[in-house]
Amino acid sequence: MILAVALLSAGGLSAFARDHDDARRAVAAGEIRTLVEILNVVKGKLPGEVVGVKLEREAGAWMYEFRLVDENGRLFVIHVDARTGEVERIKEK
């Protein structure tokens, strides 16, 4: 979580999107939630500490992709719907 907050401070939401303008428009239009809002929704549901975040489009839908490391050192990739905050899938790498 500390890394995610530091990244937010350094560049905000647009630092995580491939197309910064599209991401800004999506937030302004209410199509997606900001990273801060999503982290508040999913904290406690994630199996470890956030070490990376991306915002991308998958099949036309915006998704946050979180990379987490748990207390045993295992890496997980978690996809979260950027509009609803719903955890879509969790995959161990």
PDB file of N, CA and C in Angstrom:
ATOM      1  N   MET A   1       0.818  -1.190   0.000  1.00  0.00           N
ATOM      2  CA  MET A   1       0.000   0.000   0.000  1.00  0.00           C
ATOM      3  C   MET A   1       0.862   1.252   0.000  1.00  0.00           C
ATOM      4  N   ILE A   2       1.965   1.214   0.706  1.00  0.00           N
ATOM      5  CA  ILE A   2       2.830   2.388   0.777  1.00  0.00           C
ATOM      6  C   ILE A   2       3.319   2.756  -0.613  1.00  0.00           C
ATOM      7  N   LEU A   3       3.717   1.752  -1.404  1.00  0.00           N
ATOM      8  CA  LEU A   3       4.188   2.025  -2.760  1.00  0.00           C
ATOM      9  C   LEU A   3       3.086   2.656  -3.592  1.00  0.00           C
ATOM     10  N   ALA A   4       1.880   2.137  -3.495  1.00  0.00           N
ATOM     11  CA  ALA A   4       0.765   2.683  -4.271  1.00  0.00           C
ATOM     12  C   ALA A   4       0.514   4.138  -3.900  1.00  0.00           C
ATOM     13  N   VAL A   5       0.554   4.441  -2.620  1.00  0.00           N
ATOM     14  CA  VAL A   5       0.343   5.823  -2.186  1.00  0.00           C
ATOM     15  C   VAL A   5       1.470   6.715  -2.688  1.00  0.00           C
ATOM     16  N   ALA A   6       2.700   6.225  -2.632  1.00  0.00           N
ATOM     17  CA  ALA A   6       3.833   7.009  -3.125  1.00  0.00           C
ATOM     18  C   ALA A   6       3.698   7.262  -4.622  1.00  0.00           C
ATOM     19  N   LEU A   7       3.259   6.267  -5.358  1.00  0.00           N
ATOM     20  CA  LEU A   7       3.066   6.439  -6.786  1.00  0.00           C
ATOM     21  C   LEU A   7       1.963   7.442  -7.074  1.00  0.00           C
ATOM     22  N   LEU A   8       0.913   7.422  -6.272  1.00  0.00           N
ATOM     23  CA  LEU A   8      -0.165   8.394  -6.428  1.00  0.00           C
ATOM     24  C   LEU A   8       0.365   9.808  -6.239  1.00  0.00           C
ATOM     25  N   SER A   9       1.182   9.986  -5.231  1.00  0.00           N
ATOM     26  CA  SER A   9       1.731  11.307  -4.948  1.00  0.00           C
ATOM     27  C   SER A   9       2.640  11.779  -6.075  1.00  0.00           C
ATOM     28  N   ALA A  10       3.329  10.835  -6.690  1.00  0.00           N
ATOM     29  CA  ALA A  10       4.290  11.192  -7.727  1.00  0.00           C
ATOM     30  C   ALA A  10       3.622  11.580  -9.037  1.00  0.00           C
ATOM     31  N   GLY A  11       2.472  10.981  -9.353  1.00  0.00           N
ATOM     32  CA  GLY A  11       1.915  11.292 -10.658  1.00  0.00           C
ATOM     33  C   GLY A  11       0.431  11.115 -10.782  1.00  0.00           C
ATOM     34  N   GLY A  12      -0.226  10.644  -9.778  1.00  0.00           N
ATOM     35  CA  GLY A  12      -1.668  10.483  -9.832  1.00  0.00           C
ATOM     36  C   GLY A  12      -2.084   9.322 -10.700  1.00  0.00           C
ATOM     37  N   LEU A  13      -3.370   9.259 -10.955  1.00  0.00           N
ATOM     38  CA  LEU A  13      -3.975   8.171 -11.709  1.00  0.00           C
ATOM     39  C   LEU A  13      -3.339   8.003 -13.077  1.00  0.00           C
ATOM     40  N   SER A  14      -3.062   9.101 -13.755  1.00  0.00           N
ATOM     41  CA  SER A  14      -2.587   9.010 -15.126  1.00  0.00           C
ATOM     42  C   SER A  14      -1.245   8.295 -15.250  1.00  0.00           C
ATOM     43  N   ALA A  15      -0.493   8.193 -14.166  1.00  0.00           N
ATOM     44  CA  ALA A  15       0.790   7.504 -14.216  1.00  0.00           C
ATOM     45  C   ALA A  15       0.616   6.021 -14.469  1.00  0.00           C
ATOM     46  N   PHE A  16      -0.581   5.492 -14.262  1.00  0.00           N
ATOM     47  CA  PHE A  16      -0.815   4.061 -14.393  1.00  0.00           C
ATOM     48  C   PHE A  16      -1.499   3.678 -15.690  1.00  0.00           C
ATOM     49  N   ALA A  17      -1.988   4.591 -16.447  1.00  0.00           N
ATOM     50  CA  ALA A  17      -2.739   4.286 -17.657  1.00  0.00           C
ATOM     51  C   ALA A  17      -1.841   4.354 -18.877  1.00  0.00           C
ATOM     52  N   ARG A  18      -2.122   3.519 -19.841  1.00  0.00           N
ATOM     53  CA  ARG A  18      -1.380   3.576 -21.091  1.00  0.00           C
ATOM     54  C   ARG A  18      -1.695   4.869 -21.822  1.00  0.00           C
ATOM     55  N   ASP A  19      -2.948   5.230 -21.856  1.00  0.00           N
ATOM     56  CA  ASP A  19      -3.357   6.463 -22.513  1.00  0.00           C
ATOM     57  C   ASP A  19      -3.865   7.418 -21.457  1.00  0.00           C
ATOM     58  N   HIS A  20      -3.047   8.335 -21.070  1.00  0.00           N
ATOM     59  CA  HIS A  20      -3.346   9.240 -19.959  1.00  0.00           C
ATOM     60  C   HIS A  20      -4.621  10.037 -20.179  1.00  0.00           C
ATOM     61  N   ASP A  21      -4.809  10.532 -21.372  1.00  0.00           N
ATOM     62  CA  ASP A  21      -5.996  11.338 -21.645  1.00  0.00           C
ATOM     63  C   ASP A  21      -7.278  10.528 -21.508  1.00  0.00           C
ATOM     64  N   ASP A  22      -7.268   9.293 -22.010  1.00  0.00           N
ATOM     65  CA  ASP A  22      -8.453   8.441 -21.876  1.00  0.00           C
ATOM     66  C   ASP A  22      -8.764   8.163 -20.408  1.00  0.00           C
ATOM     67  N   ALA A  23      -7.737   7.932 -19.620  1.00  0.00           N
ATOM     68  CA  ALA A  23      -7.941   7.656 -18.197  1.00  0.00           C
ATOM     69  C   ALA A  23      -8.514   8.878 -17.485  1.00  0.00           C
ATOM     70  N   ARG A  24      -7.968  10.039 -17.783  1.00  0.00           N
ATOM     71  CA  ARG A  24      -8.483  11.271 -17.168  1.00  0.00           C
ATOM     72  C   ARG A  24      -9.943  11.505 -17.547  1.00  0.00           C
ATOM     73  N   ARG A  25     -10.257  11.294 -18.830  1.00  0.00           N
ATOM     74  CA  ARG A  25     -11.645  11.466 -19.286  1.00  0.00           C
ATOM     75  C   ARG A  25     -12.574  10.472 -18.598  1.00  0.00           C
ATOM     76  N   ALA A  26     -12.113   9.235 -18.434  1.00  0.00           N
ATOM     77  CA  ALA A  26     -12.936   8.201 -17.802  1.00  0.00           C
ATOM     78  C   ALA A  26     -13.233   8.563 -16.345  1.00  0.00           C
ATOM     79  N   VAL A  27     -12.247   9.097 -15.636  1.00  0.00           N
ATOM     80  CA  VAL A  27     -12.468   9.526 -14.245  1.00  0.00           C
ATOM     81  C   VAL A  27     -13.425  10.707 -14.217  1.00  0.00           C
ATOM     82  N   ALA A  28     -13.181  11.701 -15.075  1.00  0.00           N
ATOM     83  CA  ALA A  28     -14.022  12.900 -15.103  1.00  0.00           C
ATOM     84  C   ALA A  28     -15.465  12.572 -15.461  1.00  0.00           C
ATOM     85  N   ALA A  29     -15.659  11.564 -16.319  1.00  0.00           N
ATOM     86  CA  ALA A  29     -17.004  11.170 -16.745  1.00  0.00           C
ATOM     87  C   ALA A  29     -17.679  10.229 -15.746  1.00  0.00           C
ATOM     88  N   GLY A  30     -16.937   9.817 -14.711  1.00  0.00           N
ATOM     89  CA  GLY A  30     -17.510   8.914 -13.720  1.00  0.00           C
ATOM     90  C   GLY A  30     -17.553   7.470 -14.183  1.00  0.00           C
ATOM     91  N   GLU A  31     -16.835   7.147 -15.262  1.00  0.00           N
ATOM     92  CA  GLU A  31     -16.799   5.774 -15.775  1.00  0.00           C
ATOM     93  C   GLU A  31     -15.960   4.858 -14.887  1.00  0.00           C
ATOM     94  N   ILE A  32     -14.943   5.433 -14.246  1.00  0.00           N
ATOM     95  CA  ILE A  32     -14.076   4.646 -13.361  1.00  0.00           C
ATOM     96  C   ILE A  32     -13.825   5.433 -12.086  1.00  0.00           C
ATOM     97  N   ARG A  33     -13.405   4.701 -11.057  1.00  0.00           N
ATOM     98  CA  ARG A  33     -13.029   5.317  -9.790  1.00  0.00           C
ATOM     99  C   ARG A  33     -11.528   5.567  -9.777  1.00  0.00           C
ATOM    100  N   THR A  34     -11.117   6.515  -8.962  1.00  0.00           N
ATOM    101  CA  THR A  34      -9.685   6.778  -8.818  1.00  0.00           C
ATOM    102  C   THR A  34      -9.022   5.625  -8.075  1.00  0.00           C
ATOM    103  N   LEU A  35      -7.722   5.562  -8.173  1.00  0.00           N
ATOM    104  CA  LEU A  35      -6.971   4.513  -7.485  1.00  0.00           C
ATOM    105  C   LEU A  35      -7.203   4.578  -5.979  1.00  0.00           C
ATOM    106  N   VAL A  36      -7.242   5.759  -5.423  1.00  0.00           N
ATOM    107  CA  VAL A  36      -7.472   5.911  -3.976  1.00  0.00           C
ATOM    108  C   VAL A  36      -8.814   5.293  -3.586  1.00  0.00           C
ATOM    109  N   GLU A  37      -9.845   5.574  -4.373  1.00  0.00           N
ATOM    110  CA  GLU A  37     -11.167   5.013  -4.075  1.00  0.00           C
ATOM    111  C   GLU A  37     -11.154   3.494  -4.172  1.00  0.00           C
ATOM    112  N   ILE A  38     -10.521   2.973  -5.226  1.00  0.00           N
ATOM    113  CA  ILE A  38     -10.465   1.517  -5.413  1.00  0.00           C
ATOM    114  C   ILE A  38      -9.700   0.861  -4.270  1.00  0.00           C
ATOM    115  N   LEU A  39      -8.579   1.442  -3.867  1.00  0.00           N
ATOM    116  CA  LEU A  39      -7.818   0.864  -2.754  1.00  0.00           C
ATOM    117  C   LEU A  39      -8.647   0.840  -1.474  1.00  0.00           C
ATOM    118  N   ASN A  40      -9.452   1.859  -1.245  1.00  0.00           N
ATOM    119  CA  ASN A  40     -10.321   1.868  -0.067  1.00  0.00           C
ATOM    120  C   ASN A  40     -11.376   0.779  -0.138  1.00  0.00           C
ATOM    121  N   VAL A  41     -11.866   0.479  -1.338  1.00  0.00           N
ATOM    122  CA  VAL A  41     -12.882  -0.559  -1.518  1.00  0.00           C
ATOM    123  C   VAL A  41     -12.287  -1.955  -1.313  1.00  0.00           C
ATOM    124  N   VAL A  42     -11.096  -2.192  -1.864  1.00  0.00           N
ATOM    125  CA  VAL A  42     -10.551  -3.552  -1.869  1.00  0.00           C
ATOM    126  C   VAL A  42      -9.602  -3.867  -0.720  1.00  0.00           C
ATOM    127  N   LYS A  43      -9.187  -2.859   0.055  1.00  0.00           N
ATOM    128  CA  LYS A  43      -8.261  -3.175   1.147  1.00  0.00           C
ATOM    129  C   LYS A  43      -8.932  -4.194   2.070  1.00  0.00           C
ATOM    130  N   GLY A  44      -8.179  -5.134   2.524  1.00  0.00           N
ATOM    131  CA  GLY A  44      -8.734  -6.215   3.323  1.00  0.00           C
ATOM    132  C   GLY A  44      -9.133  -7.416   2.486  1.00  0.00           C
ATOM    133  N   LYS A  45      -9.353  -7.209   1.189  1.00  0.00           N
ATOM    134  CA  LYS A  45      -9.678  -8.306   0.282  1.00  0.00           C
ATOM    135  C   LYS A  45      -8.435  -8.792  -0.457  1.00  0.00           C
ATOM    136  N   LEU A  46      -7.356  -8.008  -0.384  1.00  0.00           N
ATOM    137  CA  LEU A  46      -6.150  -8.346  -1.113  1.00  0.00           C
ATOM    138  C   LEU A  46      -5.204  -9.147  -0.223  1.00  0.00           C
ATOM    139  N   PRO A  47      -4.572 -10.192  -0.789  1.00  0.00           N
ATOM    140  CA  PRO A  47      -3.776 -11.120   0.022  1.00  0.00           C
ATOM    141  C   PRO A  47      -2.337 -10.703   0.272  1.00  0.00           C
ATOM    142  N   GLY A  48      -2.040  -9.410   0.312  1.00  0.00           N
ATOM    143  CA  GLY A  48      -0.660  -9.013   0.548  1.00  0.00           C
ATOM    144  C   GLY A  48      -0.460  -7.529   0.370  1.00  0.00           C
ATOM    145  N   GLU A  49       0.806  -7.136   0.223  1.00  0.00           N
ATOM    146  CA  GLU A  49       1.181  -5.729   0.084  1.00  0.00           C
ATOM    147  C   GLU A  49       1.279  -5.362  -1.396  1.00  0.00           C
ATOM    148  N   VAL A  50       0.684  -4.256  -1.771  1.00  0.00           N
ATOM    149  CA  VAL A  50       0.709  -3.783  -3.155  1.00  0.00           C
ATOM    150  C   VAL A  50       2.123  -3.337  -3.511  1.00  0.00           C
ATOM    151  N   VAL A  51       2.662  -3.902  -4.603  1.00  0.00           N
ATOM    152  CA  VAL A  51       3.995  -3.518  -5.064  1.00  0.00           C
ATOM    153  C   VAL A  51       3.964  -2.943  -6.477  1.00  0.00           C
ATOM    154  N   GLY A  52       2.787  -2.968  -7.113  1.00  0.00           N
ATOM    155  CA  GLY A  52       2.658  -2.399  -8.451  1.00  0.00           C
ATOM    156  C   GLY A  52       1.199  -2.259  -8.837  1.00  0.00           C
ATOM    157  N   VAL A  53       0.930  -1.262  -9.688  1.00  0.00           N
ATOM    158  CA  VAL A  53      -0.433  -0.995 -10.138  1.00  0.00           C
ATOM    159  C   VAL A  53      -0.398  -0.537 -11.587  1.00  0.00           C
ATOM    160  N   LYS A  54      -1.342  -1.032 -12.389  1.00  0.00           N
ATOM    161  CA  LYS A  54      -1.537  -0.545 -13.759  1.00  0.00           C
ATOM    162  C   LYS A  54      -3.028  -0.323 -13.956  1.00  0.00           C
ATOM    163  N   LEU A  55      -3.370   0.581 -14.847  1.00  0.00           N
ATOM    164  CA  LEU A  55      -4.745   0.776 -15.281  1.00  0.00           C
ATOM    165  C   LEU A  55      -4.768   0.488 -16.762  1.00  0.00           C
ATOM    166  N   GLU A  56      -5.629  -0.444 -17.174  1.00  0.00           N
ATOM    167  CA  GLU A  56      -5.676  -0.814 -18.577  1.00  0.00           C
ATOM    168  C   GLU A  56      -7.080  -1.193 -18.990  1.00  0.00           C
ATOM    169  N   ARG A  57      -7.287  -1.234 -20.291  1.00  0.00           N
ATOM    170  CA  ARG A  57      -8.585  -1.649 -20.827  1.00  0.00           C
ATOM    171  C   ARG A  57      -8.485  -3.112 -21.214  1.00  0.00           C
ATOM    172  N   GLU A  58      -9.480  -3.895 -20.790  1.00  0.00           N
ATOM    173  CA  GLU A  58      -9.568  -5.306 -21.158  1.00  0.00           C
ATOM    174  C   GLU A  58     -10.966  -5.538 -21.705  1.00  0.00           C
ATOM    175  N   ALA A  59     -11.053  -5.927 -22.958  1.00  0.00           N
ATOM    176  CA  ALA A  59     -12.342  -6.189 -23.610  1.00  0.00           C
ATOM    177  C   ALA A  59     -13.289  -5.004 -23.440  1.00  0.00           C
ATOM    178  N   GLY A  60     -12.740  -3.797 -23.572  1.00  0.00           N
ATOM    179  CA  GLY A  60     -13.551  -2.590 -23.495  1.00  0.00           C
ATOM    180  C   GLY A  60     -13.831  -2.072 -22.102  1.00  0.00           C
ATOM    181  N   ALA A  61     -13.426  -2.803 -21.079  1.00  0.00           N
ATOM    182  CA  ALA A  61     -13.666  -2.376 -19.692  1.00  0.00           C
ATOM    183  C   ALA A  61     -12.347  -1.963 -19.042  1.00  0.00           C
ATOM    184  N   TRP A  62     -12.391  -0.906 -18.234  1.00  0.00           N
ATOM    185  CA  TRP A  62     -11.209  -0.467 -17.494  1.00  0.00           C
ATOM    186  C   TRP A  62     -10.987  -1.397 -16.312  1.00  0.00           C
ATOM    187  N   MET A  63      -9.733  -1.831 -16.145  1.00  0.00           N
ATOM    188  CA  MET A  63      -9.359  -2.706 -15.038  1.00  0.00           C
ATOM    189  C   MET A  63      -8.088  -2.174 -14.386  1.00  0.00           C
ATOM    190  N   TYR A  64      -8.081  -2.208 -13.052  1.00  0.00           N
ATOM    191  CA  TYR A  64      -6.834  -1.988 -12.326  1.00  0.00           C
ATOM    192  C   TYR A  64      -6.181  -3.348 -12.165  1.00  0.00           C
ATOM    193  N   GLU A  65      -4.888  -3.415 -12.435  1.00  0.00           N
ATOM    194  CA  GLU A  65      -4.126  -4.636 -12.218  1.00  0.00           C
ATOM    195  C   GLU A  65      -3.151  -4.366 -11.078  1.00  0.00           C
ATOM    196  N   PHE A  66      -3.353  -5.062  -9.982  1.00  0.00           N
ATOM    197  CA  PHE A  66      -2.482  -4.928  -8.818  1.00  0.00           C
ATOM    198  C   PHE A  66      -1.517  -6.099  -8.771  1.00  0.00           C
ATOM    199  N   ARG A  67      -0.279  -5.825  -8.428  1.00  0.00           N
ATOM    200  CA  ARG A  67       0.700  -6.877  -8.131  1.00  0.00           C
ATOM    201  C   ARG A  67       0.952  -6.799  -6.634  1.00  0.00           C
ATOM    202  N   LEU A  68       0.811  -7.958  -5.982  1.00  0.00           N
ATOM    203  CA  LEU A  68       0.964  -8.020  -4.537  1.00  0.00           C
ATOM    204  C   LEU A  68       1.922  -9.127  -4.157  1.00  0.00           C
ATOM    205  N   VAL A  69       2.590  -8.940  -3.042  1.00  0.00           N
ATOM    206  CA  VAL A  69       3.442  -9.974  -2.462  1.00  0.00           C
ATOM    207  C   VAL A  69       2.881 -10.276  -1.080  1.00  0.00           C
ATOM    208  N   ASP A  70       2.650 -11.577  -0.811  1.00  0.00           N
ATOM    209  CA  ASP A  70       2.115 -11.946   0.503  1.00  0.00           C
ATOM    210  C   ASP A  70       3.251 -12.178   1.497  1.00  0.00           C
ATOM    211  N   GLU A  71       2.890 -12.535   2.732  1.00  0.00           N
ATOM    212  CA  GLU A  71       3.902 -12.696   3.787  1.00  0.00           C
ATOM    213  C   GLU A  71       4.857 -13.851   3.528  1.00  0.00           C
ATOM    214  N   ASN A  72       4.504 -14.755   2.589  1.00  0.00           N
ATOM    215  CA  ASN A  72       5.378 -15.877   2.241  1.00  0.00           C
ATOM    216  C   ASN A  72       6.214 -15.594   1.000  1.00  0.00           C
ATOM    217  N   GLY A  73       6.133 -14.358   0.484  1.00  0.00           N
ATOM    218  CA  GLY A  73       6.922 -13.976  -0.673  1.00  0.00           C
ATOM    219  C   GLY A  73       6.304 -14.350  -2.007  1.00  0.00           C
ATOM    220  N   ARG A  74       5.061 -14.840  -1.995  1.00  0.00           N
ATOM    221  CA  ARG A  74       4.395 -15.213  -3.249  1.00  0.00           C
ATOM    222  C   ARG A  74       3.843 -13.962  -3.931  1.00  0.00           C
ATOM    223  N   LEU A  75       3.945 -13.941  -5.268  1.00  0.00           N
ATOM    224  CA  LEU A  75       3.465 -12.823  -6.065  1.00  0.00           C
ATOM    225  C   LEU A  75       2.080 -13.144  -6.614  1.00  0.00           C
ATOM    226  N   PHE A  76       1.155 -12.193  -6.477  1.00  0.00           N
ATOM    227  CA  PHE A  76      -0.200 -12.339  -6.999  1.00  0.00           C
ATOM    228  C   PHE A  76      -0.497 -11.179  -7.930  1.00  0.00           C
ATOM    229  N   VAL A  77      -1.281 -11.470  -8.973  1.00  0.00           N
ATOM    230  CA  VAL A  77      -1.800 -10.443  -9.866  1.00  0.00           C
ATOM    231  C   VAL A  77      -3.309 -10.440  -9.663  1.00  0.00           C
ATOM    232  N   ILE A  78      -3.845  -9.283  -9.311  1.00  0.00           N
ATOM    233  CA  ILE A  78      -5.272  -9.159  -9.024  1.00  0.00           C
ATOM    234  C   ILE A  78      -5.862  -8.124  -9.971  1.00  0.00           C
ATOM    235  N   HIS A  79      -6.928  -8.508 -10.659  1.00  0.00           N
ATOM    236  CA  HIS A  79      -7.632  -7.605 -11.569  1.00  0.00           C
ATOM    237  C   HIS A  79      -8.901  -7.131 -10.887  1.00  0.00           C
ATOM    238  N   VAL A  80      -9.065  -5.796 -10.853  1.00  0.00           N
ATOM    239  CA  VAL A  80     -10.208  -5.174 -10.180  1.00  0.00           C
ATOM    240  C   VAL A  80     -10.926  -4.277 -11.175  1.00  0.00           C
ATOM    241  N   ASP A  81     -12.242  -4.429 -11.254  1.00  0.00           N
ATOM    242  CA  ASP A  81     -13.056  -3.587 -12.122  1.00  0.00           C
ATOM    243  C   ASP A  81     -12.907  -2.137 -11.671  1.00  0.00           C
ATOM    244  N   ALA A  82     -12.463  -1.262 -12.562  1.00  0.00           N
ATOM    245  CA  ALA A  82     -12.174   0.131 -12.210  1.00  0.00           C
ATOM    246  C   ALA A  82     -13.441   0.947 -11.969  1.00  0.00           C
ATOM    247  N   ARG A  83     -14.578   0.446 -12.405  1.00  0.00           N
ATOM    248  CA  ARG A  83     -15.838   1.159 -12.191  1.00  0.00           C
ATOM    249  C   ARG A  83     -16.484   0.767 -10.871  1.00  0.00           C
ATOM    250  N   THR A  84     -16.489  -0.542 -10.586  1.00  0.00           N
ATOM    251  CA  THR A  84     -17.219  -1.033  -9.415  1.00  0.00           C
ATOM    252  C   THR A  84     -16.332  -1.321  -8.211  1.00  0.00           C
ATOM    253  N   GLY A  85     -15.044  -1.582  -8.443  1.00  0.00           N
ATOM    254  CA  GLY A  85     -14.158  -1.987  -7.365  1.00  0.00           C
ATOM    255  C   GLY A  85     -14.253  -3.467  -7.056  1.00  0.00           C
ATOM    256  N   GLU A  86     -14.960  -4.203  -7.888  1.00  0.00           N
ATOM    257  CA  GLU A  86     -15.127  -5.644  -7.674  1.00  0.00           C
ATOM    258  C   GLU A  86     -13.875  -6.385  -8.132  1.00  0.00           C
ATOM    259  N   VAL A  87     -13.395  -7.312  -7.276  1.00  0.00           N
ATOM    260  CA  VAL A  87     -12.250  -8.135  -7.630  1.00  0.00           C
ATOM    261  C   VAL A  87     -12.716  -9.155  -8.675  1.00  0.00           C
ATOM    262  N   GLU A  88     -12.135  -9.097  -9.857  1.00  0.00           N
ATOM    263  CA  GLU A  88     -12.534  -9.973 -10.964  1.00  0.00           C
ATOM    264  C   GLU A  88     -11.793 -11.302 -10.945  1.00  0.00           C
ATOM    265  N   ARG A  89     -10.491 -11.242 -10.705  1.00  0.00           N
ATOM    266  CA  ARG A  89      -9.717 -12.488 -10.652  1.00  0.00           C
ATOM    267  C   ARG A  89      -8.407 -12.273  -9.910  1.00  0.00           C
ATOM    268  N   ILE A  90      -7.932 -13.353  -9.325  1.00  0.00           N
ATOM    269  CA  ILE A  90      -6.659 -13.368  -8.605  1.00  0.00           C
ATOM    270  C   ILE A  90      -5.852 -14.532  -9.160  1.00  0.00           C
ATOM    271  N   LYS A  91      -4.623 -14.241  -9.521  1.00  0.00           N
ATOM    272  CA  LYS A  91      -3.760 -15.282 -10.081  1.00  0.00           C
ATOM    273  C   LYS A  91      -2.407 -15.232  -9.378  1.00  0.00           C
ATOM    274  N   GLU A  92      -1.927 -16.382  -8.936  1.00  0.00           N
ATOM    275  CA  GLU A  92      -0.595 -16.440  -8.353  1.00  0.00           C
ATOM    276  C   GLU A  92       0.408 -16.620  -9.482  1.00  0.00           C
ATOM    277  N   LYS A  93       1.485 -15.867  -9.423  1.00  0.00           N
ATOM    278  CA  LYS A  93       2.534 -15.951 -10.451  1.00  0.00           C
ATOM    279  C   LYS A  93       3.654 -16.841  -9.987  1.00  0.00           C
TER     280      LYS A  93
END
